[in-house]
Amino acid sequence: MQRVILHCDMNNFYASVECMLNPELKNKPVAVCGSVEERHGIVLAKNYAAKAFGVSTGEAIWQAKQKCQDLVIVEPHYEQYMKFSKLAREIYDRYDSQVMHTVF
């Protein structure tokens, strides 16, 4: 039996979900960020439009805004990310019962 390893990196996942749920964000540079008030004001995820300006995951919001003045900051909606992550896993499971799900 041949072993096949499939790696699915859902790149920019949080930002992708936000843009899907809010079509007005589609072609704008978007970053999902933690709360500045709670001292977690960093970029958790960004879309490709933001990445084109050099916005990086893990950097402070103020740094990201220096790189991209029109950056749209969105607060995280973890319940939505869990919902869509679960849907993706269900699709993988349709193909093979031995799919290993790793979340980082």
PDB file of N, CA and C in Angstrom:
ATOM      1  N   MET A   1       0.839  -1.177   0.000  1.00  0.00           N
ATOM      2  CA  MET A   1       0.000   0.000   0.000  1.00  0.00           C
ATOM      3  C   MET A   1       0.888   1.245   0.000  1.00  0.00           C
ATOM      4  N   GLN A   2       0.533   2.210  -0.821  1.00  0.00           N
ATOM      5  CA  GLN A   2       1.295   3.449  -0.931  1.00  0.00           C
ATOM      6  C   GLN A   2       0.788   4.458   0.103  1.00  0.00           C
ATOM      7  N   ARG A   3       1.715   5.122   0.748  1.00  0.00           N
ATOM      8  CA  ARG A   3       1.364   6.139   1.734  1.00  0.00           C
ATOM      9  C   ARG A   3       1.376   7.509   1.069  1.00  0.00           C
ATOM     10  N   VAL A   4       0.341   8.280   1.309  1.00  0.00           N
ATOM     11  CA  VAL A   4       0.238   9.628   0.764  1.00  0.00           C
ATOM     12  C   VAL A   4       0.113  10.601   1.933  1.00  0.00           C
ATOM     13  N   ILE A   5       0.897  11.635   1.889  1.00  0.00           N
ATOM     14  CA  ILE A   5       0.825  12.673   2.916  1.00  0.00           C
ATOM     15  C   ILE A   5       0.336  13.951   2.254  1.00  0.00           C
ATOM     16  N   LEU A   6      -0.733  14.458   2.757  1.00  0.00           N
ATOM     17  CA  LEU A   6      -1.313  15.701   2.258  1.00  0.00           C
ATOM     18  C   LEU A   6      -1.192  16.741   3.356  1.00  0.00           C
ATOM     19  N   HIS A   7      -0.593  17.845   3.017  1.00  0.00           N
ATOM     20  CA  HIS A   7      -0.465  18.946   3.978  1.00  0.00           C
ATOM     21  C   HIS A   7      -1.319  20.094   3.463  1.00  0.00           C
ATOM     22  N   CYS A   8      -2.244  20.545   4.275  1.00  0.00           N
ATOM     23  CA  CYS A   8      -3.101  21.662   3.890  1.00  0.00           C
ATOM     24  C   CYS A   8      -2.826  22.821   4.842  1.00  0.00           C
ATOM     25  N   ASP A   9      -2.138  23.823   4.344  1.00  0.00           N
ATOM     26  CA  ASP A   9      -1.850  25.021   5.130  1.00  0.00           C
ATOM     27  C   ASP A   9      -2.913  26.046   4.773  1.00  0.00           C
ATOM     28  N   MET A  10      -3.778  26.312   5.701  1.00  0.00           N
ATOM     29  CA  MET A  10      -4.844  27.283   5.444  1.00  0.00           C
ATOM     30  C   MET A  10      -4.287  28.670   5.737  1.00  0.00           C
ATOM     31  N   ASN A  11      -3.445  29.100   4.816  1.00  0.00           N
ATOM     32  CA  ASN A  11      -2.700  30.345   4.924  1.00  0.00           C
ATOM     33  C   ASN A  11      -3.636  31.537   5.107  1.00  0.00           C
ATOM     34  N   ASN A  12      -3.279  32.407   6.032  1.00  0.00           N
ATOM     35  CA  ASN A  12      -4.051  33.630   6.286  1.00  0.00           C
ATOM     36  C   ASN A  12      -5.490  33.321   6.695  1.00  0.00           C
ATOM     37  N   PHE A  13      -5.694  32.209   7.372  1.00  0.00           N
ATOM     38  CA  PHE A  13      -7.030  31.687   7.615  1.00  0.00           C
ATOM     39  C   PHE A  13      -7.965  32.689   8.275  1.00  0.00           C
ATOM     40  N   TYR A  14      -7.539  33.310   9.368  1.00  0.00           N
ATOM     41  CA  TYR A  14      -8.423  34.251  10.071  1.00  0.00           C
ATOM     42  C   TYR A  14      -8.828  35.394   9.131  1.00  0.00           C
ATOM     43  N   ALA A  15      -7.862  35.942   8.424  1.00  0.00           N
ATOM     44  CA  ALA A  15      -8.156  37.052   7.511  1.00  0.00           C
ATOM     45  C   ALA A  15      -9.048  36.588   6.357  1.00  0.00           C
ATOM     46  N   SER A  16      -8.826  35.381   5.877  1.00  0.00           N
ATOM     47  CA  SER A  16      -9.657  34.843   4.792  1.00  0.00           C
ATOM     48  C   SER A  16     -11.107  34.686   5.239  1.00  0.00           C
ATOM     49  N   VAL A  17     -11.311  34.202   6.441  1.00  0.00           N
ATOM     50  CA  VAL A  17     -12.668  34.052   6.968  1.00  0.00           C
ATOM     51  C   VAL A  17     -13.330  35.422   7.104  1.00  0.00           C
ATOM     52  N   GLU A  18     -12.597  36.395   7.632  1.00  0.00           N
ATOM     53  CA  GLU A  18     -13.159  37.737   7.795  1.00  0.00           C
ATOM     54  C   GLU A  18     -13.572  38.341   6.453  1.00  0.00           C
ATOM     55  N   CYS A  19     -12.739  38.168   5.436  1.00  0.00           N
ATOM     56  CA  CYS A  19     -13.052  38.712   4.105  1.00  0.00           C
ATOM     57  C   CYS A  19     -14.222  37.972   3.469  1.00  0.00           C
ATOM     58  N   MET A  20     -14.355  36.691   3.739  1.00  0.00           N
ATOM     59  CA  MET A  20     -15.480  35.923   3.219  1.00  0.00           C
ATOM     60  C   MET A  20     -16.782  36.383   3.877  1.00  0.00           C
ATOM     61  N   LEU A  21     -16.746  36.623   5.189  1.00  0.00           N
ATOM     62  CA  LEU A  21     -17.946  37.028   5.917  1.00  0.00           C
ATOM     63  C   LEU A  21     -18.328  38.481   5.652  1.00  0.00           C
ATOM     64  N   ASN A  22     -17.370  39.300   5.292  1.00  0.00           N
ATOM     65  CA  ASN A  22     -17.617  40.716   5.019  1.00  0.00           C
ATOM     66  C   ASN A  22     -17.050  41.055   3.641  1.00  0.00           C
ATOM     67  N   PRO A  23     -17.834  40.876   2.589  1.00  0.00           N
ATOM     68  CA  PRO A  23     -17.353  41.095   1.215  1.00  0.00           C
ATOM     69  C   PRO A  23     -16.796  42.499   0.957  1.00  0.00           C
ATOM     70  N   GLU A  24     -17.154  43.481   1.781  1.00  0.00           N
ATOM     71  CA  GLU A  24     -16.615  44.832   1.612  1.00  0.00           C
ATOM     72  C   GLU A  24     -15.098  44.863   1.817  1.00  0.00           C
ATOM     73  N   LEU A  25     -14.558  43.862   2.492  1.00  0.00           N
ATOM     74  CA  LEU A  25     -13.117  43.809   2.775  1.00  0.00           C
ATOM     75  C   LEU A  25     -12.325  43.149   1.657  1.00  0.00           C
ATOM     76  N   LYS A  26     -13.013  42.566   0.697  1.00  0.00           N
ATOM     77  CA  LYS A  26     -12.389  41.681  -0.284  1.00  0.00           C
ATOM     78  C   LYS A  26     -11.076  42.180  -0.888  1.00  0.00           C
ATOM     79  N   ASN A  27     -11.029  43.384  -1.392  1.00  0.00           N
ATOM     80  CA  ASN A  27      -9.829  43.879  -2.070  1.00  0.00           C
ATOM     81  C   ASN A  27      -9.037  44.887  -1.241  1.00  0.00           C
ATOM     82  N   LYS A  28      -9.302  44.916   0.061  1.00  0.00           N
ATOM     83  CA  LYS A  28      -8.612  45.843   0.949  1.00  0.00           C
ATOM     84  C   LYS A  28      -7.545  45.096   1.744  1.00  0.00           C
ATOM     85  N   PRO A  29      -6.499  45.810   2.163  1.00  0.00           N
ATOM     86  CA  PRO A  29      -5.518  45.177   3.063  1.00  0.00           C
ATOM     87  C   PRO A  29      -6.138  45.007   4.446  1.00  0.00           C
ATOM     88  N   VAL A  30      -6.178  43.768   4.919  1.00  0.00           N
ATOM     89  CA  VAL A  30      -6.864  43.440   6.166  1.00  0.00           C
ATOM     90  C   VAL A  30      -5.919  42.719   7.114  1.00  0.00           C
ATOM     91  N   ALA A  31      -6.015  43.081   8.385  1.00  0.00           N
ATOM     92  CA  ALA A  31      -5.264  42.369   9.431  1.00  0.00           C
ATOM     93  C   ALA A  31      -6.209  42.079  10.580  1.00  0.00           C
ATOM     94  N   VAL A  32      -6.220  40.836  11.012  1.00  0.00           N
ATOM     95  CA  VAL A  32      -6.948  40.454  12.223  1.00  0.00           C
ATOM     96  C   VAL A  32      -5.957  40.655  13.365  1.00  0.00           C
ATOM     97  N   CYS A  33      -6.364  41.459  14.347  1.00  0.00           N
ATOM     98  CA  CYS A  33      -5.425  41.852  15.397  1.00  0.00           C
ATOM     99  C   CYS A  33      -6.028  41.685  16.784  1.00  0.00           C
ATOM    100  N   GLY A  34      -5.137  41.455  17.741  1.00  0.00           N
ATOM    101  CA  GLY A  34      -5.540  41.394  19.133  1.00  0.00           C
ATOM    102  C   GLY A  34      -5.854  42.783  19.657  1.00  0.00           C
ATOM    103  N   SER A  35      -6.380  42.843  20.849  1.00  0.00           N
ATOM    104  CA  SER A  35      -6.820  44.089  21.463  1.00  0.00           C
ATOM    105  C   SER A  35      -5.649  44.911  21.999  1.00  0.00           C
ATOM    106  N   VAL A  36      -5.573  46.154  21.575  1.00  0.00           N
ATOM    107  CA  VAL A  36      -4.558  47.077  22.086  1.00  0.00           C
ATOM    108  C   VAL A  36      -4.816  47.337  23.570  1.00  0.00           C
ATOM    109  N   GLU A  37      -6.097  47.481  23.935  1.00  0.00           N
ATOM    110  CA  GLU A  37      -6.472  47.763  25.320  1.00  0.00           C
ATOM    111  C   GLU A  37      -6.029  46.644  26.262  1.00  0.00           C
ATOM    112  N   GLU A  38      -6.028  45.414  25.768  1.00  0.00           N
ATOM    113  CA  GLU A  38      -5.622  44.276  26.597  1.00  0.00           C
ATOM    114  C   GLU A  38      -4.147  43.933  26.416  1.00  0.00           C
ATOM    115  N   ARG A  39      -3.422  44.850  25.786  1.00  0.00           N
ATOM    116  CA  ARG A  39      -1.977  44.712  25.569  1.00  0.00           C
ATOM    117  C   ARG A  39      -1.622  43.523  24.679  1.00  0.00           C
ATOM    118  N   HIS A  40      -2.549  43.185  23.762  1.00  0.00           N
ATOM    119  CA  HIS A  40      -2.289  42.130  22.788  1.00  0.00           C
ATOM    120  C   HIS A  40      -2.420  42.695  21.379  1.00  0.00           C
ATOM    121  N   GLY A  41      -1.979  43.911  21.198  1.00  0.00           N
ATOM    122  CA  GLY A  41      -2.165  44.621  19.940  1.00  0.00           C
ATOM    123  C   GLY A  41      -1.190  44.201  18.864  1.00  0.00           C
ATOM    124  N   ILE A  42      -1.284  42.934  18.460  1.00  0.00           N
ATOM    125  CA  ILE A  42      -0.409  42.446  17.396  1.00  0.00           C
ATOM    126  C   ILE A  42      -1.244  41.860  16.261  1.00  0.00           C
ATOM    127  N   VAL A  43      -0.608  41.745  15.118  1.00  0.00           N
ATOM    128  CA  VAL A  43      -1.240  41.145  13.948  1.00  0.00           C
ATOM    129  C   VAL A  43      -1.265  39.633  14.142  1.00  0.00           C
ATOM    130  N   LEU A  44      -2.476  39.074  14.148  1.00  0.00           N
ATOM    131  CA  LEU A  44      -2.648  37.627  14.273  1.00  0.00           C
ATOM    132  C   LEU A  44      -2.666  36.963  12.902  1.00  0.00           C
ATOM    133  N   ALA A  45      -3.201  37.672  11.917  1.00  0.00           N
ATOM    134  CA  ALA A  45      -3.259  37.171  10.541  1.00  0.00           C
ATOM    135  C   ALA A  45      -3.472  38.359   9.618  1.00  0.00           C
ATOM    136  N   LYS A  46      -2.999  38.227   8.400  1.00  0.00           N
ATOM    137  CA  LYS A  46      -3.196  39.289   7.417  1.00  0.00           C
ATOM    138  C   LYS A  46      -3.506  38.634   6.083  1.00  0.00           C
ATOM    139  N   ASN A  47      -4.169  39.396   5.202  1.00  0.00           N
ATOM    140  CA  ASN A  47      -4.444  38.857   3.870  1.00  0.00           C
ATOM    141  C   ASN A  47      -3.301  39.216   2.922  1.00  0.00           C
ATOM    142  N   TYR A  48      -3.395  38.723   1.694  1.00  0.00           N
ATOM    143  CA  TYR A  48      -2.313  38.952   0.735  1.00  0.00           C
ATOM    144  C   TYR A  48      -2.146  40.425   0.385  1.00  0.00           C
ATOM    145  N   ALA A  49      -3.247  41.181   0.386  1.00  0.00           N
ATOM    146  CA  ALA A  49      -3.137  42.619   0.094  1.00  0.00           C
ATOM    147  C   ALA A  49      -2.303  43.320   1.160  1.00  0.00           C
ATOM    148  N   ALA A  50      -2.476  42.954   2.424  1.00  0.00           N
ATOM    149  CA  ALA A  50      -1.671  43.535   3.505  1.00  0.00           C
ATOM    150  C   ALA A  50      -0.234  43.040   3.431  1.00  0.00           C
ATOM    151  N   LYS A  51      -0.075  41.782   3.106  1.00  0.00           N
ATOM    152  CA  LYS A  51       1.269  41.209   2.987  1.00  0.00           C
ATOM    153  C   LYS A  51       2.081  41.936   1.913  1.00  0.00           C
ATOM    154  N   ALA A  52       1.422  42.380   0.857  1.00  0.00           N
ATOM    155  CA  ALA A  52       2.103  43.103  -0.217  1.00  0.00           C
ATOM    156  C   ALA A  52       2.732  44.404   0.278  1.00  0.00           C
ATOM    157  N   PHE A  53       2.208  44.964   1.364  1.00  0.00           N
ATOM    158  CA  PHE A  53       2.775  46.170   1.970  1.00  0.00           C
ATOM    159  C   PHE A  53       3.855  45.844   2.990  1.00  0.00           C
ATOM    160  N   GLY A  54       4.081  44.559   3.233  1.00  0.00           N
ATOM    161  CA  GLY A  54       5.096  44.151   4.190  1.00  0.00           C
ATOM    162  C   GLY A  54       4.578  43.883   5.591  1.00  0.00           C
ATOM    163  N   VAL A  55       3.248  43.887   5.756  1.00  0.00           N
ATOM    164  CA  VAL A  55       2.659  43.604   7.062  1.00  0.00           C
ATOM    165  C   VAL A  55       2.965  42.152   7.423  1.00  0.00           C
ATOM    166  N   SER A  56       3.409  41.940   8.670  1.00  0.00           N
ATOM    167  CA  SER A  56       3.819  40.609   9.119  1.00  0.00           C
ATOM    168  C   SER A  56       3.017  40.148  10.325  1.00  0.00           C
ATOM    169  N   THR A  57       2.737  38.867  10.364  1.00  0.00           N
ATOM    170  CA  THR A  57       2.103  38.272  11.525  1.00  0.00           C
ATOM    171  C   THR A  57       3.037  38.425  12.724  1.00  0.00           C
ATOM    172  N   GLY A  58       2.476  38.839  13.857  1.00  0.00           N
ATOM    173  CA  GLY A  58       3.256  38.976  15.083  1.00  0.00           C
ATOM    174  C   GLY A  58       3.762  40.380  15.350  1.00  0.00           C
ATOM    175  N   GLU A  59       3.676  41.266  14.368  1.00  0.00           N
ATOM    176  CA  GLU A  59       4.168  42.622  14.632  1.00  0.00           C
ATOM    177  C   GLU A  59       3.078  43.469  15.280  1.00  0.00           C
ATOM    178  N   ALA A  60       3.494  44.537  15.928  1.00  0.00           N
ATOM    179  CA  ALA A  60       2.566  45.445  16.586  1.00  0.00           C
ATOM    180  C   ALA A  60       1.697  46.157  15.551  1.00  0.00           C
ATOM    181  N   ILE A  61       0.483  46.466  15.958  1.00  0.00           N
ATOM    182  CA  ILE A  61      -0.438  47.141  15.046  1.00  0.00           C
ATOM    183  C   ILE A  61       0.151  48.460  14.565  1.00  0.00           C
ATOM    184  N   TRP A  62       0.786  49.212  15.449  1.00  0.00           N
ATOM    185  CA  TRP A  62       1.342  50.507  15.036  1.00  0.00           C
ATOM    186  C   TRP A  62       2.405  50.335  13.957  1.00  0.00           C
ATOM    187  N   GLN A  63       3.157  49.260  14.028  1.00  0.00           N
ATOM    188  CA  GLN A  63       4.164  48.999  12.991  1.00  0.00           C
ATOM    189  C   GLN A  63       3.489  48.649  11.662  1.00  0.00           C
ATOM    190  N   ALA A  64       2.451  47.835  11.742  1.00  0.00           N
ATOM    191  CA  ALA A  64       1.724  47.450  10.530  1.00  0.00           C
ATOM    192  C   ALA A  64       1.091  48.676   9.871  1.00  0.00           C
ATOM    193  N   LYS A  65       0.532  49.585  10.683  1.00  0.00           N
ATOM    194  CA  LYS A  65      -0.090  50.794  10.144  1.00  0.00           C
ATOM    195  C   LYS A  65       0.941  51.737   9.518  1.00  0.00           C
ATOM    196  N   GLN A  66       2.176  51.699   9.990  1.00  0.00           N
ATOM    197  CA  GLN A  66       3.232  52.502   9.360  1.00  0.00           C
ATOM    198  C   GLN A  66       3.513  51.984   7.954  1.00  0.00           C
ATOM    199  N   LYS A  67       3.456  50.693   7.778  1.00  0.00           N
ATOM    200  CA  LYS A  67       3.711  50.083   6.471  1.00  0.00           C
ATOM    201  C   LYS A  67       2.531  50.249   5.524  1.00  0.00           C
ATOM    202  N   CYS A  68       1.322  50.265   6.094  1.00  0.00           N
ATOM    203  CA  CYS A  68       0.103  50.308   5.282  1.00  0.00           C
ATOM    204  C   CYS A  68      -0.924  51.190   5.985  1.00  0.00           C
ATOM    205  N   GLN A  69      -0.982  52.448   5.583  1.00  0.00           N
ATOM    206  CA  GLN A  69      -1.867  53.410   6.244  1.00  0.00           C
ATOM    207  C   GLN A  69      -3.347  53.046   6.099  1.00  0.00           C
ATOM    208  N   ASP A  70      -3.703  52.355   5.020  1.00  0.00           N
ATOM    209  CA  ASP A  70      -5.104  52.001   4.773  1.00  0.00           C
ATOM    210  C   ASP A  70      -5.461  50.615   5.312  1.00  0.00           C
ATOM    211  N   LEU A  71      -4.604  50.062   6.164  1.00  0.00           N
ATOM    212  CA  LEU A  71      -4.838  48.735   6.711  1.00  0.00           C
ATOM    213  C   LEU A  71      -6.138  48.713   7.515  1.00  0.00           C
ATOM    214  N   VAL A  72      -7.008  47.765   7.198  1.00  0.00           N
ATOM    215  CA  VAL A  72      -8.262  47.596   7.928  1.00  0.00           C
ATOM    216  C   VAL A  72      -7.988  46.600   9.062  1.00  0.00           C
ATOM    217  N   ILE A  73      -8.194  47.057  10.284  1.00  0.00           N
ATOM    218  CA  ILE A  73      -7.979  46.225  11.469  1.00  0.00           C
ATOM    219  C   ILE A  73      -9.311  45.594  11.867  1.00  0.00           C
ATOM    220  N   VAL A  74      -9.296  44.288  12.012  1.00  0.00           N
ATOM    221  CA  VAL A  74     -10.503  43.542  12.385  1.00  0.00           C
ATOM    222  C   VAL A  74     -10.203  42.768  13.663  1.00  0.00           C
ATOM    223  N   GLU A  75     -11.134  42.807  14.608  1.00  0.00           N
ATOM    224  CA  GLU A  75     -10.948  42.016  15.827  1.00  0.00           C
ATOM    225  C   GLU A  75     -11.225  40.548  15.508  1.00  0.00           C
ATOM    226  N   PRO A  76     -10.595  39.641  16.226  1.00  0.00           N
ATOM    227  CA  PRO A  76     -10.778  38.220  15.948  1.00  0.00           C
ATOM    228  C   PRO A  76     -12.169  37.715  16.340  1.00  0.00           C
ATOM    229  N   HIS A  77     -12.668  36.793  15.550  1.00  0.00           N
ATOM    230  CA  HIS A  77     -13.948  36.117  15.810  1.00  0.00           C
ATOM    231  C   HIS A  77     -13.672  34.618  15.836  1.00  0.00           C
ATOM    232  N   TYR A  78     -13.123  34.174  16.960  1.00  0.00           N
ATOM    233  CA  TYR A  78     -12.651  32.795  17.077  1.00  0.00           C
ATOM    234  C   TYR A  78     -13.739  31.753  16.834  1.00  0.00           C
ATOM    235  N   GLU A  79     -14.981  32.083  17.228  1.00  0.00           N
ATOM    236  CA  GLU A  79     -16.064  31.115  17.017  1.00  0.00           C
ATOM    237  C   GLU A  79     -16.267  30.833  15.522  1.00  0.00           C
ATOM    238  N   GLN A  80     -16.089  31.857  14.706  1.00  0.00           N
ATOM    239  CA  GLN A  80     -16.203  31.663  13.252  1.00  0.00           C
ATOM    240  C   GLN A  80     -15.033  30.829  12.716  1.00  0.00           C
ATOM    241  N   TYR A  81     -13.832  31.090  13.221  1.00  0.00           N
ATOM    242  CA  TYR A  81     -12.660  30.340  12.754  1.00  0.00           C
ATOM    243  C   TYR A  81     -12.798  28.864  13.113  1.00  0.00           C
ATOM    244  N   MET A  82     -13.315  28.599  14.309  1.00  0.00           N
ATOM    245  CA  MET A  82     -13.532  27.210  14.719  1.00  0.00           C
ATOM    246  C   MET A  82     -14.580  26.544  13.823  1.00  0.00           C
ATOM    247  N   LYS A  83     -15.627  27.267  13.515  1.00  0.00           N
ATOM    248  CA  LYS A  83     -16.693  26.733  12.661  1.00  0.00           C
ATOM    249  C   LYS A  83     -16.147  26.327  11.291  1.00  0.00           C
ATOM    250  N   PHE A  84     -15.397  27.220  10.657  1.00  0.00           N
ATOM    251  CA  PHE A  84     -14.904  26.938   9.309  1.00  0.00           C
ATOM    252  C   PHE A  84     -13.753  25.946   9.317  1.00  0.00           C
ATOM    253  N   SER A  85     -12.984  25.927  10.391  1.00  0.00           N
ATOM    254  CA  SER A  85     -11.937  24.924  10.535  1.00  0.00           C
ATOM    255  C   SER A  85     -12.566  23.531  10.645  1.00  0.00           C
ATOM    256  N   LYS A  86     -13.635  23.430  11.409  1.00  0.00           N
ATOM    257  CA  LYS A  86     -14.342  22.153  11.556  1.00  0.00           C
ATOM    258  C   LYS A  86     -14.903  21.692  10.210  1.00  0.00           C
ATOM    259  N   LEU A  87     -15.460  22.610   9.449  1.00  0.00           N
ATOM    260  CA  LEU A  87     -15.989  22.254   8.127  1.00  0.00           C
ATOM    261  C   LEU A  87     -14.884  21.711   7.221  1.00  0.00           C
ATOM    262  N   ALA A  88     -13.721  22.325   7.261  1.00  0.00           N
ATOM    263  CA  ALA A  88     -12.595  21.846   6.457  1.00  0.00           C
ATOM    264  C   ALA A  88     -12.180  20.445   6.890  1.00  0.00           C
ATOM    265  N   ARG A  89     -12.108  20.218   8.201  1.00  0.00           N
ATOM    266  CA  ARG A  89     -11.735  18.888   8.693  1.00  0.00           C
ATOM    267  C   ARG A  89     -12.754  17.830   8.272  1.00  0.00           C
ATOM    268  N   GLU A  90     -14.023  18.205   8.258  1.00  0.00           N
ATOM    269  CA  GLU A  90     -15.056  17.265   7.815  1.00  0.00           C
ATOM    270  C   GLU A  90     -14.858  16.885   6.352  1.00  0.00           C
ATOM    271  N   ILE A  91     -14.432  17.825   5.543  1.00  0.00           N
ATOM    272  CA  ILE A  91     -14.148  17.516   4.130  1.00  0.00           C
ATOM    273  C   ILE A  91     -12.976  16.546   4.035  1.00  0.00           C
ATOM    274  N   TYR A  92     -11.921  16.790   4.780  1.00  0.00           N
ATOM    275  CA  TYR A  92     -10.765  15.892   4.753  1.00  0.00           C
ATOM    276  C   TYR A  92     -11.163  14.490   5.181  1.00  0.00           C
ATOM    277  N   ASP A  93     -12.002  14.415   6.208  1.00  0.00           N
ATOM    278  CA  ASP A  93     -12.411  13.108   6.739  1.00  0.00           C
ATOM    279  C   ASP A  93     -13.254  12.313   5.749  1.00  0.00           C
ATOM    280  N   ARG A  94     -13.899  12.987   4.805  1.00  0.00           N
ATOM    281  CA  ARG A  94     -14.670  12.275   3.784  1.00  0.00           C
ATOM    282  C   ARG A  94     -13.764  11.430   2.888  1.00  0.00           C
ATOM    283  N   TYR A  95     -12.508  11.837   2.787  1.00  0.00           N
ATOM    284  CA  TYR A  95     -11.581  11.155   1.886  1.00  0.00           C
ATOM    285  C   TYR A  95     -10.804  10.038   2.559  1.00  0.00           C
ATOM    286  N   ASP A  96     -10.591  10.171   3.863  1.00  0.00           N
ATOM    287  CA  ASP A  96      -9.821   9.135   4.545  1.00  0.00           C
ATOM    288  C   ASP A  96     -10.072   9.228   6.045  1.00  0.00           C
ATOM    289  N   SER A  97     -10.311   8.090   6.651  1.00  0.00           N
ATOM    290  CA  SER A  97     -10.574   8.064   8.096  1.00  0.00           C
ATOM    291  C   SER A  97      -9.294   8.201   8.918  1.00  0.00           C
ATOM    292  N   GLN A  98      -8.146   8.182   8.272  1.00  0.00           N
ATOM    293  CA  GLN A  98      -6.869   8.249   8.991  1.00  0.00           C
ATOM    294  C   GLN A  98      -6.247   9.641   8.943  1.00  0.00           C
ATOM    295  N   VAL A  99      -7.049  10.629   8.615  1.00  0.00           N
ATOM    296  CA  VAL A  99      -6.539  11.992   8.556  1.00  0.00           C
ATOM    297  C   VAL A  99      -6.173  12.441   9.963  1.00  0.00           C
ATOM    298  N   MET A 100      -4.964  12.972  10.087  1.00  0.00           N
ATOM    299  CA  MET A 100      -4.509  13.491  11.371  1.00  0.00           C
ATOM    300  C   MET A 100      -4.669  15.007  11.349  1.00  0.00           C
ATOM    301  N   HIS A 101      -5.360  15.523  12.310  1.00  0.00           N
ATOM    302  CA  HIS A 101      -5.605  16.963  12.396  1.00  0.00           C
ATOM    303  C   HIS A 101      -4.650  17.561  13.415  1.00  0.00           C
ATOM    304  N   THR A 102      -3.828  18.472  12.948  1.00  0.00           N
ATOM    305  CA  THR A 102      -2.911  19.163  13.834  1.00  0.00           C
ATOM    306  C   THR A 102      -3.230  20.646  13.786  1.00  0.00           C
ATOM    307  N   VAL A 103      -3.404  21.233  14.941  1.00  0.00           N
ATOM    308  CA  VAL A 103      -3.680  22.658  15.025  1.00  0.00           C
ATOM    309  C   VAL A 103      -2.540  23.303  15.775  1.00  0.00           C
ATOM    310  N   PHE A 104      -2.006  24.365  15.203  1.00  0.00           N
ATOM    311  CA  PHE A 104      -0.909  25.089  15.847  1.00  0.00           C
ATOM    312  C   PHE A 104      -1.374  26.429  16.310  1.00  0.00           C
TER     313      PHE A 104
END
